[in-house]
């Protein structure tokens, strides 16, 4: 997912900063995401954007980009 995310952002010439978090180190995150790793979210308190694989449509919605952009 990380490679796909970087490729997606590079195609749009947008900078991308990603924090990779070990959810096993945080019991609350481990309980929340358990089998959904890898998971992409903008804010840990907010809803997930996608899990397992990069969902470009969901990421575009999260970033406020038009569909297919």
PDB file of N, CA and C in Angstrom:
ATOM      1  N   UNK A   1       0.825  -1.187   0.000  1.00  0.00           N
ATOM      2  CA  UNK A   1       0.000   0.000   0.000  1.00  0.00           C
ATOM      3  C   UNK A   1       0.872   1.254   0.000  1.00  0.00           C
ATOM      4  N   UNK A   2       1.957   1.224   0.748  1.00  0.00           N
ATOM      5  CA  UNK A   2       2.816   2.397   0.845  1.00  0.00           C
ATOM      6  C   UNK A   2       3.388   2.782  -0.513  1.00  0.00           C
ATOM      7  N   UNK A   3       3.861   1.814  -1.269  1.00  0.00           N
ATOM      8  CA  UNK A   3       4.404   2.097  -2.601  1.00  0.00           C
ATOM      9  C   UNK A   3       3.318   2.665  -3.519  1.00  0.00           C
ATOM     10  N   UNK A   4       2.116   2.098  -3.445  1.00  0.00           N
ATOM     11  CA  UNK A   4       1.003   2.585  -4.269  1.00  0.00           C
ATOM     12  C   UNK A   4       0.621   4.010  -3.874  1.00  0.00           C
ATOM     13  N   UNK A   5       0.658   4.312  -2.590  1.00  0.00           N
ATOM     14  CA  UNK A   5       0.345   5.659  -2.118  1.00  0.00           C
ATOM     15  C   UNK A   5       1.364   6.667  -2.644  1.00  0.00           C
ATOM     16  N   UNK A   6       2.641   6.328  -2.541  1.00  0.00           N
ATOM     17  CA  UNK A   6       3.674   7.234  -3.056  1.00  0.00           C
ATOM     18  C   UNK A   6       3.534   7.425  -4.567  1.00  0.00           C
ATOM     19  N   UNK A   7       3.236   6.365  -5.300  1.00  0.00           N
ATOM     20  CA  UNK A   7       3.050   6.476  -6.750  1.00  0.00           C
ATOM     21  C   UNK A   7       1.840   7.354  -7.073  1.00  0.00           C
ATOM     22  N   UNK A   8       0.749   7.178  -6.345  1.00  0.00           N
ATOM     23  CA  UNK A   8      -0.455   7.985  -6.546  1.00  0.00           C
ATOM     24  C   UNK A   8      -0.136   9.463  -6.361  1.00  0.00           C
ATOM     25  N   UNK A   9       0.549   9.795  -5.287  1.00  0.00           N
ATOM     26  CA  UNK A   9       0.872  11.192  -5.001  1.00  0.00           C
ATOM     27  C   UNK A   9       1.869  11.750  -6.007  1.00  0.00           C
ATOM     28  N   UNK A  10       2.826  10.953  -6.443  1.00  0.00           N
ATOM     29  CA  UNK A  10       3.809  11.410  -7.427  1.00  0.00           C
ATOM     30  C   UNK A  10       3.135  11.726  -8.759  1.00  0.00           C
ATOM     31  N   UNK A  11       2.149  10.938  -9.148  1.00  0.00           N
ATOM     32  CA  UNK A  11       1.423  11.193 -10.405  1.00  0.00           C
ATOM     33  C   UNK A  11       0.690  12.526 -10.356  1.00  0.00           C
ATOM     34  N   UNK A  12       0.374  12.988  -9.185  1.00  0.00           N
ATOM     35  CA  UNK A  12      -0.335  14.256  -9.028  1.00  0.00           C
ATOM     36  C   UNK A  12       0.601  15.387  -8.639  1.00  0.00           C
ATOM     37  N   UNK A  13       1.891  15.105  -8.593  1.00  0.00           N
ATOM     38  CA  UNK A  13       2.909  16.094  -8.220  1.00  0.00           C
ATOM     39  C   UNK A  13       2.552  16.768  -6.898  1.00  0.00           C
ATOM     40  N   UNK A  14       2.135  15.940  -5.942  1.00  0.00           N
ATOM     41  CA  UNK A  14       1.781  16.436  -4.614  1.00  0.00           C
ATOM     42  C   UNK A  14       2.744  15.827  -3.604  1.00  0.00           C
ATOM     43  N   UNK A  15       3.262  16.640  -2.713  1.00  0.00           N
ATOM     44  CA  UNK A  15       4.138  16.065  -1.680  1.00  0.00           C
ATOM     45  C   UNK A  15       3.349  15.122  -0.788  1.00  0.00           C
ATOM     46  N   UNK A  16       4.040  14.132  -0.278  1.00  0.00           N
ATOM     47  CA  UNK A  16       3.379  13.122   0.538  1.00  0.00           C
ATOM     48  C   UNK A  16       4.265  12.790   1.724  1.00  0.00           C
ATOM     49  N   UNK A  17       3.729  12.968   2.908  1.00  0.00           N
ATOM     50  CA  UNK A  17       4.404  12.558   4.127  1.00  0.00           C
ATOM     51  C   UNK A  17       3.567  11.463   4.758  1.00  0.00           C
ATOM     52  N   UNK A  18       4.208  10.353   5.058  1.00  0.00           N
ATOM     53  CA  UNK A  18       3.492   9.214   5.622  1.00  0.00           C
ATOM     54  C   UNK A  18       4.178   8.809   6.924  1.00  0.00           C
ATOM     55  N   UNK A  19       3.397   8.656   7.954  1.00  0.00           N
ATOM     56  CA  UNK A  19       3.895   8.116   9.218  1.00  0.00           C
ATOM     57  C   UNK A  19       3.490   6.648   9.271  1.00  0.00           C
ATOM     58  N   UNK A  20       4.475   5.785   9.350  1.00  0.00           N
ATOM     59  CA  UNK A  20       4.202   4.360   9.474  1.00  0.00           C
ATOM     60  C   UNK A  20       4.187   4.046  10.968  1.00  0.00           C
ATOM     61  N   UNK A  21       3.077   3.496  11.424  1.00  0.00           N
ATOM     62  CA  UNK A  21       2.877   3.230  12.844  1.00  0.00           C
ATOM     63  C   UNK A  21       2.742   1.730  13.057  1.00  0.00           C
ATOM     64  N   UNK A  22       3.462   1.217  14.021  1.00  0.00           N
ATOM     65  CA  UNK A  22       3.338  -0.183  14.407  1.00  0.00           C
ATOM     66  C   UNK A  22       2.134  -0.290  15.341  1.00  0.00           C
ATOM     67  N   UNK A  23       1.017  -0.783  14.823  1.00  0.00           N
ATOM     68  CA  UNK A  23      -0.188  -0.811  15.650  1.00  0.00           C
ATOM     69  C   UNK A  23      -0.065  -1.766  16.823  1.00  0.00           C
ATOM     70  N   UNK A  24       0.825  -2.754  16.707  1.00  0.00           N
ATOM     71  CA  UNK A  24       1.001  -3.692  17.820  1.00  0.00           C
ATOM     72  C   UNK A  24       1.601  -3.010  19.042  1.00  0.00           C
ATOM     73  N   UNK A  25       2.206  -1.845  18.843  1.00  0.00           N
ATOM     74  CA  UNK A  25       2.799  -1.109  19.962  1.00  0.00           C
ATOM     75  C   UNK A  25       1.759  -0.285  20.718  1.00  0.00           C
ATOM     76  N   UNK A  26       0.570  -0.164  20.172  1.00  0.00           N
ATOM     77  CA  UNK A  26      -0.489   0.634  20.792  1.00  0.00           C
ATOM     78  C   UNK A  26      -1.727  -0.247  20.949  1.00  0.00           C
ATOM     79  N   UNK A  27      -2.053  -0.655  22.156  1.00  0.00           N
ATOM     80  CA  UNK A  27      -3.197  -1.554  22.358  1.00  0.00           C
ATOM     81  C   UNK A  27      -4.516  -1.034  21.774  1.00  0.00           C
ATOM     82  N   UNK A  28      -4.742   0.268  21.828  1.00  0.00           N
ATOM     83  CA  UNK A  28      -5.993   0.823  21.287  1.00  0.00           C
ATOM     84  C   UNK A  28      -6.043   0.663  19.769  1.00  0.00           C
ATOM     85  N   UNK A  29      -4.921   0.934  19.093  1.00  0.00           N
ATOM     86  CA  UNK A  29      -4.883   0.765  17.638  1.00  0.00           C
ATOM     87  C   UNK A  29      -4.959  -0.713  17.263  1.00  0.00           C
ATOM     88  N   UNK A  30      -4.289  -1.555  18.022  1.00  0.00           N
ATOM     89  CA  UNK A  30      -4.341  -2.991  17.750  1.00  0.00           C
ATOM     90  C   UNK A  30      -5.773  -3.505  17.887  1.00  0.00           C
ATOM     91  N   UNK A  31      -6.487  -3.053  18.882  1.00  0.00           N
ATOM     92  CA  UNK A  31      -7.876  -3.467  19.065  1.00  0.00           C
ATOM     93  C   UNK A  31      -8.772  -2.930  17.951  1.00  0.00           C
ATOM     94  N   UNK A  32      -8.487  -1.728  17.508  1.00  0.00           N
ATOM     95  CA  UNK A  32      -9.323  -1.091  16.483  1.00  0.00           C
ATOM     96  C   UNK A  32      -9.104  -1.697  15.100  1.00  0.00           C
ATOM     97  N   UNK A  33      -7.842  -1.915  14.723  1.00  0.00           N
ATOM     98  CA  UNK A  33      -7.534  -2.324  13.352  1.00  0.00           C
ATOM     99  C   UNK A  33      -7.242  -3.810  13.197  1.00  0.00           C
ATOM    100  N   UNK A  34      -6.812  -4.472  14.230  1.00  0.00           N
ATOM    101  CA  UNK A  34      -6.577  -5.904  14.278  1.00  0.00           C
ATOM    102  C   UNK A  34      -6.198  -6.511  12.922  1.00  0.00           C
ATOM    103  N   UNK A  35      -7.147  -7.060  12.200  1.00  0.00           N
ATOM    104  CA  UNK A  35      -6.888  -7.756  10.936  1.00  0.00           C
ATOM    105  C   UNK A  35      -6.920  -6.841   9.710  1.00  0.00           C
ATOM    106  N   UNK A  36      -7.077  -5.544   9.884  1.00  0.00           N
ATOM    107  CA  UNK A  36      -7.218  -4.619   8.754  1.00  0.00           C
ATOM    108  C   UNK A  36      -5.892  -4.005   8.302  1.00  0.00           C
ATOM    109  N   UNK A  37      -4.781  -4.537   8.732  1.00  0.00           N
ATOM    110  CA  UNK A  37      -3.470  -3.984   8.419  1.00  0.00           C
ATOM    111  C   UNK A  37      -3.007  -4.509   7.073  1.00  0.00           C
ATOM    112  N   UNK A  38      -2.424  -3.684   6.203  1.00  0.00           N
ATOM    113  CA  UNK A  38      -2.181  -2.268   6.424  1.00  0.00           C
ATOM    114  C   UNK A  38      -3.461  -1.458   6.285  1.00  0.00           C
ATOM    115  N   UNK A  39      -3.475  -0.346   6.983  1.00  0.00           N
ATOM    116  CA  UNK A  39      -4.631   0.544   6.965  1.00  0.00           C
ATOM    117  C   UNK A  39      -4.129   1.963   6.726  1.00  0.00           C
ATOM    118  N   UNK A  40      -4.892   2.733   5.976  1.00  0.00           N
ATOM    119  CA  UNK A  40      -4.549   4.127   5.695  1.00  0.00           C
ATOM    120  C   UNK A  40      -5.629   5.010   6.286  1.00  0.00           C
ATOM    121  N   UNK A  41      -5.199   5.978   7.064  1.00  0.00           N
ATOM    122  CA  UNK A  41      -6.148   6.947   7.597  1.00  0.00           C
ATOM    123  C   UNK A  41      -5.454   8.291   7.702  1.00  0.00           C
ATOM    124  N   UNK A  42      -6.236   9.353   7.668  1.00  0.00           N
ATOM    125  CA  UNK A  42      -5.691  10.698   7.761  1.00  0.00           C
ATOM    126  C   UNK A  42      -5.463  11.109   9.197  1.00  0.00           C
ATOM    127  N   UNK A  43      -6.356  10.702  10.065  1.00  0.00           N
ATOM    128  CA  UNK A  43      -6.287  11.047  11.481  1.00  0.00           C
ATOM    129  C   UNK A  43      -6.671   9.793  12.256  1.00  0.00           C
ATOM    130  N   UNK A  44      -5.826   9.357  13.191  1.00  0.00           N
ATOM    131  CA  UNK A  44      -6.152   8.136  13.927  1.00  0.00           C
ATOM    132  C   UNK A  44      -7.507   8.188  14.623  1.00  0.00           C
ATOM    133  N   UNK A  45      -7.992   9.367  14.947  1.00  0.00           N
ATOM    134  CA  UNK A  45      -9.296   9.489  15.593  1.00  0.00           C
ATOM    135  C   UNK A  45     -10.435   9.423  14.581  1.00  0.00           C
ATOM    136  N   UNK A  46     -10.107   9.576  13.298  1.00  0.00           N
ATOM    137  CA  UNK A  46     -11.127   9.579  12.261  1.00  0.00           C
ATOM    138  C   UNK A  46     -11.297   8.221  11.617  1.00  0.00           C
ATOM    139  N   UNK A  47     -12.185   8.149  10.649  1.00  0.00           N
ATOM    140  CA  UNK A  47     -12.421   6.870   9.969  1.00  0.00           C
ATOM    141  C   UNK A  47     -11.250   6.515   9.052  1.00  0.00           C
ATOM    142  N   UNK A  48     -11.102   5.232   8.802  1.00  0.00           N
ATOM    143  CA  UNK A  48     -10.044   4.799   7.888  1.00  0.00           C
ATOM    144  C   UNK A  48     -10.391   5.207   6.465  1.00  0.00           C
ATOM    145  N   UNK A  49      -9.361   5.404   5.661  1.00  0.00           N
ATOM    146  CA  UNK A  49      -9.562   5.703   4.238  1.00  0.00           C
ATOM    147  C   UNK A  49      -9.705   4.386   3.486  1.00  0.00           C
ATOM    148  N   UNK A  50      -8.806   3.458   3.748  1.00  0.00           N
ATOM    149  CA  UNK A  50      -8.864   2.133   3.136  1.00  0.00           C
ATOM    150  C   UNK A  50      -7.965   1.185   3.911  1.00  0.00           C
ATOM    151  N   UNK A  51      -8.095  -0.094   3.624  1.00  0.00           N
ATOM    152  CA  UNK A  51      -7.219  -1.081   4.241  1.00  0.00           C
ATOM    153  C   UNK A  51      -6.870  -2.160   3.223  1.00  0.00           C
ATOM    154  N   UNK A  52      -5.823  -2.905   3.508  1.00  0.00           N
ATOM    155  CA  UNK A  52      -5.249  -3.953   2.659  1.00  0.00           C
ATOM    156  C   UNK A  52      -4.570  -3.375   1.419  1.00  0.00           C
ATOM    157  N   UNK A  53      -5.336  -2.723   0.541  1.00  0.00           N
ATOM    158  CA  UNK A  53      -4.810  -2.168  -0.701  1.00  0.00           C
ATOM    159  C   UNK A  53      -5.230  -0.711  -0.815  1.00  0.00           C
ATOM    160  N   UNK A  54      -4.474   0.078  -1.566  1.00  0.00           N
ATOM    161  CA  UNK A  54      -4.834   1.476  -1.761  1.00  0.00           C
ATOM    162  C   UNK A  54      -6.109   1.573  -2.590  1.00  0.00           C
ATOM    163  N   UNK A  55      -7.107   2.225  -2.062  1.00  0.00           N
ATOM    164  CA  UNK A  55      -8.362   2.500  -2.762  1.00  0.00           C
ATOM    165  C   UNK A  55      -8.248   3.942  -3.249  1.00  0.00           C
ATOM    166  N   UNK A  56      -7.867   4.104  -4.530  1.00  0.00           N
ATOM    167  CA  UNK A  56      -7.619   5.445  -5.057  1.00  0.00           C
ATOM    168  C   UNK A  56      -8.866   6.316  -5.022  1.00  0.00           C
ATOM    169  N   UNK A  57     -10.031   5.744  -5.261  1.00  0.00           N
ATOM    170  CA  UNK A  57     -11.268   6.532  -5.220  1.00  0.00           C
ATOM    171  C   UNK A  57     -11.504   7.070  -3.809  1.00  0.00           C
ATOM    172  N   UNK A  58     -11.296   6.234  -2.798  1.00  0.00           N
ATOM    173  CA  UNK A  58     -11.480   6.670  -1.409  1.00  0.00           C
ATOM    174  C   UNK A  58     -10.445   7.733  -1.041  1.00  0.00           C
ATOM    175  N   UNK A  59      -9.215   7.559  -1.508  1.00  0.00           N
ATOM    176  CA  UNK A  59      -8.176   8.546  -1.229  1.00  0.00           C
ATOM    177  C   UNK A  59      -8.498   9.873  -1.912  1.00  0.00           C
ATOM    178  N   UNK A  60      -8.979   9.825  -3.164  1.00  0.00           N
ATOM    179  CA  UNK A  60      -9.368  11.070  -3.846  1.00  0.00           C
ATOM    180  C   UNK A  60     -10.470  11.791  -3.079  1.00  0.00           C
ATOM    181  N   UNK A  61     -11.453  11.040  -2.592  1.00  0.00           N
ATOM    182  CA  UNK A  61     -12.524  11.666  -1.804  1.00  0.00           C
ATOM    183  C   UNK A  61     -11.941  12.303  -0.542  1.00  0.00           C
ATOM    184  N   UNK A  62     -11.052  11.598   0.141  1.00  0.00           N
ATOM    185  CA  UNK A  62     -10.443  12.125   1.370  1.00  0.00           C
ATOM    186  C   UNK A  62      -9.662  13.396   1.093  1.00  0.00           C
ATOM    187  N   UNK A  63      -8.966  13.446  -0.038  1.00  0.00           N
ATOM    188  CA  UNK A  63      -8.144  14.605  -0.384  1.00  0.00           C
ATOM    189  C   UNK A  63      -8.933  15.724  -1.070  1.00  0.00           C
ATOM    190  N   UNK A  64     -10.207  15.467  -1.352  1.00  0.00           N
ATOM    191  CA  UNK A  64     -11.025  16.467  -2.028  1.00  0.00           C
ATOM    192  C   UNK A  64     -10.699  16.602  -3.510  1.00  0.00           C
ATOM    193  N   UNK A  65     -10.175  15.535  -4.112  1.00  0.00           N
ATOM    194  CA  UNK A  65      -9.857  15.546  -5.549  1.00  0.00           C
ATOM    195  C   UNK A  65     -11.057  15.027  -6.324  1.00  0.00           C
ATOM    196  N   UNK A  66     -11.229  15.522  -7.543  1.00  0.00           N
ATOM    197  CA  UNK A  66     -12.344  15.012  -8.346  1.00  0.00           C
ATOM    198  C   UNK A  66     -12.124  13.539  -8.708  1.00  0.00           C
ATOM    199  N   UNK A  67     -13.205  12.829  -8.930  1.00  0.00           N
ATOM    200  CA  UNK A  67     -13.132  11.411  -9.326  1.00  0.00           C
ATOM    201  C   UNK A  67     -12.328  11.271 -10.599  1.00  0.00           C
ATOM    202  N   UNK A  68     -11.455  10.298 -10.621  1.00  0.00           N
ATOM    203  CA  UNK A  68     -10.650  10.038 -11.816  1.00  0.00           C
ATOM    204  C   UNK A  68      -9.533  11.018 -12.036  1.00  0.00           C
ATOM    205  N   UNK A  69      -9.301  11.942 -11.090  1.00  0.00           N
ATOM    206  CA  UNK A  69      -8.261  12.954 -11.279  1.00  0.00           C
ATOM    207  C   UNK A  69      -6.887  12.374 -11.061  1.00  0.00           C
TER     208      UNK A  69
END
